[in-house]
Amino acid sequence: MIEILAGAFVGAESNVQGRMKENWGGLVAAFRADLFGTGDALDASIQGLESDIHGLHPTTPGGHVGIPGERGLAIAYRRQQSVPVDSQVYEQLYKMAE
């Protein structure tokens, strides 16, 4: 649905039956966050929406229904927490940084 709307707004081709054209276009949308609420009320609304999304039943058994970007952020966080480095390499890097 987003592709159809974005393509129409910017005059780009759409990927109908796998025929992607060179004219992909681009759409940037900006919203005033304060129009959706402020402070604690906005935070509670966002957390409620997040809970509702996570509570949906996945189409694949054992799957997960997530929010766009959530999986990538989780991967990035795990990588920041534990990057395997040989102890000798670590010591060398540590000495170089001093």
Foldseek 3Di string as FASTA:
>chain_A
DVQVVQCVVFVFDGCDPNDHDPRSGDDDDDDDLCVVPDDPVSVVVVVVVQVVQQPDDDPDVVDTRHDPPPVVVVVVVVCVVDDDDPPVVVVVVVVVVD
